[in-house]
Protein backbone atom coordinates (compact mmCIF):
# COMPACT_ATOMS: atom_id res chain seq x y z
CA MET A 1 -0.16 -0.22 0.03
CA GLN A 2 1.35 3.64 -0.77
CA PRO A 3 1.98 5.67 2.03
CA PRO A 4 0.30 8.84 1.84
CA ALA A 5 2.22 12.24 1.48
CA LEU A 6 2.86 14.13 4.72
CA ASP A 7 3.20 17.10 5.99
CA LEU A 8 4.67 16.33 9.24
CA LEU A 9 6.90 13.17 10.06
CA ALA A 10 7.73 12.02 13.52
CA ILE A 11 10.93 9.95 13.21
CA ALA A 12 11.86 7.84 16.47
CA ALA A 13 14.03 5.68 17.37
CA HIS A 14 11.77 2.89 19.24
CA PRO A 15 8.07 2.65 19.95
CA ASP A 16 7.02 5.49 22.52
CA ASP A 17 9.84 7.97 21.82
CA ALA A 18 7.36 9.79 19.74
CA GLU A 19 4.70 10.23 22.00
CA LEU A 20 7.19 10.79 25.15
CA THR A 21 8.66 13.95 23.39
CA VAL A 22 6.45 15.06 20.61
CA GLY A 23 3.29 13.60 21.42
CA GLY A 24 1.07 16.69 22.06
CA THR A 25 2.84 18.34 19.14
CA LEU A 26 1.63 15.53 16.61
CA ALA A 27 -2.28 15.85 17.88
CA LEU A 28 -2.06 19.58 17.58
CA ALA A 29 -0.91 18.78 14.03
CA VAL A 30 -3.77 16.45 13.47
CA ARG A 31 -6.65 19.11 14.67
CA GLN A 32 -5.08 21.79 12.59
CA GLY A 33 -5.94 19.53 9.72
CA TYR A 34 -2.25 18.80 8.77
CA ARG A 35 -1.36 15.37 7.41
CA VAL A 36 0.80 13.53 10.09
CA GLY A 37 2.88 9.98 10.09
CA ILE A 38 5.53 8.16 12.57
CA LEU A 39 7.98 6.19 11.79
CA ASP A 40 9.50 4.11 14.53
CA LEU A 41 13.48 3.19 13.18
CA THR A 42 13.35 0.16 15.34
CA ALA A 43 10.56 -2.30 17.01
CA GLY A 44 12.12 -1.94 20.29
CA GLU A 45 13.31 -5.46 20.54
CA LEU A 46 15.69 -4.94 23.26
CA GLY A 47 13.40 -3.65 25.69
CA THR A 48 13.49 -5.37 29.31
CA ARG A 49 9.70 -4.74 29.17
CA GLY A 50 7.14 -6.27 26.86
CA THR A 51 7.53 -8.02 23.35
CA PRO A 52 7.63 -6.72 19.85
CA GLU A 53 4.49 -7.62 18.96
CA LEU A 54 3.00 -6.32 22.11
CA ARG A 55 4.86 -2.78 21.82
CA ARG A 56 3.66 -2.84 18.03
CA GLU A 57 -0.29 -3.25 19.38
CA GLU A 58 0.48 -0.52 21.88
CA ALA A 59 2.32 1.88 19.18
CA LEU A 60 -0.32 1.43 16.92
CA GLN A 61 -3.21 2.15 20.03
CA ALA A 62 -1.37 5.55 20.58
CA ALA A 63 -1.08 6.50 17.38
CA LYS A 64 -4.88 5.96 17.20
CA VAL A 65 -5.27 8.45 20.57
CA LEU A 66 -3.33 11.14 18.82
CA GLY A 67 -5.04 11.16 15.56
CA VAL A 68 -1.95 10.06 13.76
CA PRO A 69 -3.48 7.71 10.70
CA TRP A 70 0.13 6.39 9.47
CA ARG A 71 2.65 4.70 11.90
CA GLU A 72 5.59 2.20 10.36
CA THR A 73 8.60 0.40 11.59
CA LEU A 74 11.54 0.80 9.59
CA GLY A 75 13.16 -2.67 10.92
CA LEU A 76 16.69 -1.48 12.00
CA PRO A 77 18.11 -3.04 15.29
CA ASP A 78 17.28 -1.79 18.42
CA ALA A 79 20.53 -0.59 20.29
CA GLY A 80 22.34 -0.99 16.68
CA ILE A 81 21.09 1.99 14.93
CA ALA A 82 23.89 2.80 12.67
CA ASN A 83 24.51 5.77 10.34
CA SER A 84 25.45 3.05 7.50
CA ASP A 85 24.65 3.65 3.93
CA GLU A 86 22.23 0.89 3.94
CA SER A 87 20.27 2.42 7.02
CA ARG A 88 20.30 5.54 4.94
CA ARG A 89 19.06 3.95 1.71
CA ARG A 90 15.92 2.04 3.86
CA LEU A 91 15.27 5.88 5.27
CA VAL A 92 15.40 7.61 2.12
CA ALA A 93 13.32 5.43 0.41
CA VAL A 94 10.63 6.12 3.13
CA LEU A 95 11.21 10.10 3.17
CA ARG A 96 10.53 9.40 -0.84
CA ALA A 97 7.55 7.62 -0.27
CA THR A 98 6.01 9.74 2.01
CA ARG A 99 7.75 13.14 1.08
CA PRO A 100 7.10 14.96 4.37
CA THR A 101 7.82 19.08 4.19
CA ILE A 102 8.48 19.17 8.26
CA VAL A 103 10.43 15.85 9.85
CA LEU A 104 10.63 15.84 13.64
CA ALA A 105 13.61 14.07 14.93
CA PRO A 106 15.67 13.19 18.21
CA ALA A 107 17.78 16.03 19.76
CA PRO A 108 20.72 16.84 18.14
CA PRO A 109 24.29 15.21 18.82
CA PRO A 110 25.96 14.93 21.19
CA PHE A 111 23.04 14.86 23.64
CA GLY A 112 20.82 11.82 24.30
CA ARG A 113 21.49 9.29 26.66
CA HIS A 114 20.53 6.13 24.64
CA PRO A 115 22.51 5.94 21.44
CA ASP A 116 20.62 4.89 19.61
CA HIS A 117 18.75 8.61 20.03
CA ARG A 118 22.16 10.22 19.03
CA ILE A 119 23.03 8.31 16.01
CA ALA A 120 19.02 8.17 15.04
CA ALA A 121 19.41 12.24 15.00
CA GLU A 122 22.74 12.26 12.91
CA LEU A 123 21.21 9.19 10.35
CA ILE A 124 17.79 11.05 9.94
CA ARG A 125 19.76 14.43 8.70
CA ASP A 126 21.67 12.74 6.42
CA ALA A 127 19.01 10.73 4.95
CA ALA A 128 17.02 13.67 4.29
CA PHE A 129 19.71 15.38 2.55
CA LEU A 130 20.66 12.57 0.38
CA SER A 131 16.69 11.92 -0.30
CA GLY A 132 17.22 15.17 -2.53
CA LEU A 133 19.67 14.00 -4.50
CA ARG A 134 18.58 12.17 -7.93
CA ASN A 135 21.37 10.02 -8.53
CA PHE A 136 21.25 8.52 -5.02
CA ASP A 137 19.20 5.35 -5.78
CA ALA A 138 16.67 4.36 -3.55
CA GLY A 139 13.94 4.39 -5.28
CA GLU A 140 10.94 7.13 -5.97
CA GLU A 141 11.46 10.43 -7.27
CA PRO A 142 14.09 12.67 -5.20
CA HIS A 143 12.59 14.50 -2.31
CA ARG A 144 14.51 16.70 0.58
CA PRO A 145 11.90 17.88 3.46
CA ARG A 146 12.57 21.58 3.98
CA LYS A 147 13.03 21.61 7.75
CA ILE A 148 14.61 19.08 10.42
CA VAL A 149 13.24 19.79 13.99
CA HIS A 150 15.00 18.83 16.57
CA SER A 151 12.98 17.77 20.28
CA ILE A 152 15.01 18.62 23.15
CA ALA A 153 12.54 17.50 25.78
CA TYR A 154 14.06 16.48 28.99
CA ARG A 155 17.79 17.44 28.21
CA GLU A 156 18.28 20.26 30.34
CA ASP A 157 22.12 19.71 29.29
CA GLY A 158 21.67 20.65 25.53
CA VAL A 159 20.84 24.21 24.09
CA LYS A 160 18.29 26.60 24.49
CA PRO A 161 14.88 25.34 22.78
CA THR A 162 14.57 27.65 19.60
CA PHE A 163 10.74 27.75 19.99
CA VAL A 164 8.35 25.68 22.51
CA VAL A 165 4.89 24.40 21.24
CA ASP A 166 2.05 25.19 23.48
CA VAL A 167 0.14 21.30 23.68
CA SER A 168 -1.74 22.67 26.85
CA GLU A 169 -5.25 21.66 24.85
CA VAL A 170 -3.80 18.55 23.56
CA PHE A 171 -2.01 17.29 26.58
CA ASP A 172 -4.23 14.90 27.70
CA LEU A 173 -4.08 12.96 24.29
CA LYS A 174 -0.58 12.90 24.99
CA MET A 175 -1.08 11.58 28.13
CA MET A 176 -3.43 8.92 26.95
CA ALA A 177 -1.13 8.10 24.52
CA VAL A 178 1.43 7.39 26.22
CA ARG A 179 -0.70 5.30 28.70
CA CYS A 180 -1.33 3.24 25.76
CA TYR A 181 2.27 1.61 26.76
CA GLU A 182 1.42 -0.35 29.52
CA SER A 183 3.81 -2.52 29.20
CA GLN A 184 6.58 -0.04 29.67
CA PHE A 185 5.42 2.47 31.71
CA ASP A 186 3.23 0.39 34.33
CA GLY A 187 4.87 1.78 37.70
CA ALA A 188 8.11 3.13 35.92
CA THR A 189 9.87 6.24 36.77
CA GLN A 190 12.25 6.13 34.14
CA SER A 191 12.12 6.13 30.14
CA GLY A 192 14.24 7.34 27.61
CA GLU A 193 15.32 10.64 28.33
CA VAL A 194 12.98 10.91 31.50
CA TYR A 195 15.28 10.51 34.20
CA PRO A 196 13.44 9.49 37.70
CA THR A 197 12.87 11.73 40.55
CA GLY A 198 11.16 8.58 42.49
CA GLU A 199 8.07 10.13 41.62
CA PRO A 200 5.78 7.82 38.97
CA LEU A 201 6.81 8.35 35.19
CA LEU A 202 3.45 10.09 34.07
CA ASP A 203 3.58 12.65 36.95
CA VAL A 204 7.67 13.59 35.80
CA ILE A 205 6.10 13.87 32.14
CA GLY A 206 3.45 16.37 33.62
CA HIS A 207 6.11 18.37 35.57
CA GLN A 208 8.43 18.32 32.38
CA ALA A 209 5.88 19.50 30.04
CA ALA A 210 4.65 22.17 32.86
CA HIS A 211 8.47 23.90 32.91
CA TYR A 212 8.71 23.83 29.11
CA GLY A 213 5.09 25.71 29.01
CA SER A 214 5.99 28.09 31.53
CA LEU A 215 9.09 29.22 28.97
CA ILE A 216 6.47 30.25 26.53
CA ARG A 217 3.90 31.63 29.70
CA VAL A 218 1.46 28.60 29.04
CA ARG A 219 0.57 25.80 31.05
CA TYR A 220 2.14 22.73 28.98
CA GLY A 221 4.80 22.96 26.58
CA GLU A 222 6.94 21.11 24.08
CA PRO A 223 10.50 22.43 23.36
CA PHE A 224 12.74 21.97 20.00
CA TYR A 225 15.90 23.16 18.38
CA THR A 226 16.56 23.74 14.49
CA SER A 227 20.37 24.50 14.16
CA GLU A 228 19.43 27.62 11.72
CA THR A 229 18.06 30.93 12.92
CA MET A 230 14.34 30.84 12.68
CA ARG A 231 12.60 33.86 10.56
CA VAL A 232 10.23 36.69 11.63
CA ASP A 233 7.77 38.29 9.32
CA ASP A 234 6.06 40.80 11.98
CA VAL A 235 8.00 41.87 15.10
CA VAL A 236 5.34 43.94 16.39
CA ALA A 237 3.47 40.40 16.87
CA LEU A 238 5.99 38.67 18.77
CA SER A 239 4.45 36.76 21.19
CA VAL A 240 5.71 35.83 25.13
CA SER A 241 5.85 39.08 26.95
CA THR A 242 9.32 39.91 28.69
CA PHE A 243 7.96 40.84 31.96
């Protein structure tokens, strides 16, 4: 089945990464009428909890909660993602088939506790560039996304966010999607980039989202970083008060 053309594609290393870091942004984009998809690079087969089959079921249910109609798994090895020619070729094939305008990626190197997250960010940027080269043989017509946007949720040791998305109105959907991963998060205090504080994982997610929201004077937010400077067309319309 031919994948749909997408406006926004979130590419994550493992099932549940997208929900934890950009779930609110995805749900908001769906509400805004954009065509949204998720690509998990691995099936999370080395996870301590659950099985790849169960995690796949949970991932599809979470996507349904967010309203995301297209989700697939690239099939790279968990804890073994490599920015190799083969990995780039496989990812380019998906980028050319889905033709996203914007790609959401993990935090850029060197940040990321899990090596898959750091390497995935590099792989995504390289594949997105190669996807636009006509003579790069990966099938389909060339396509290069307009922008790569890195999620830096939970990365206080990283760079300051370029911008924060107000996800207050869809935060309940984000949390519902996270709860779909019962095999991973039931009783958990840590996951992925979310460091333990002694509180339940869901409480930590809420505290973090409230922190990012406070940076733009809203209840809940998700932070992002771009390597290029953002453009402003109307300086008088700038939001977020200085005082």
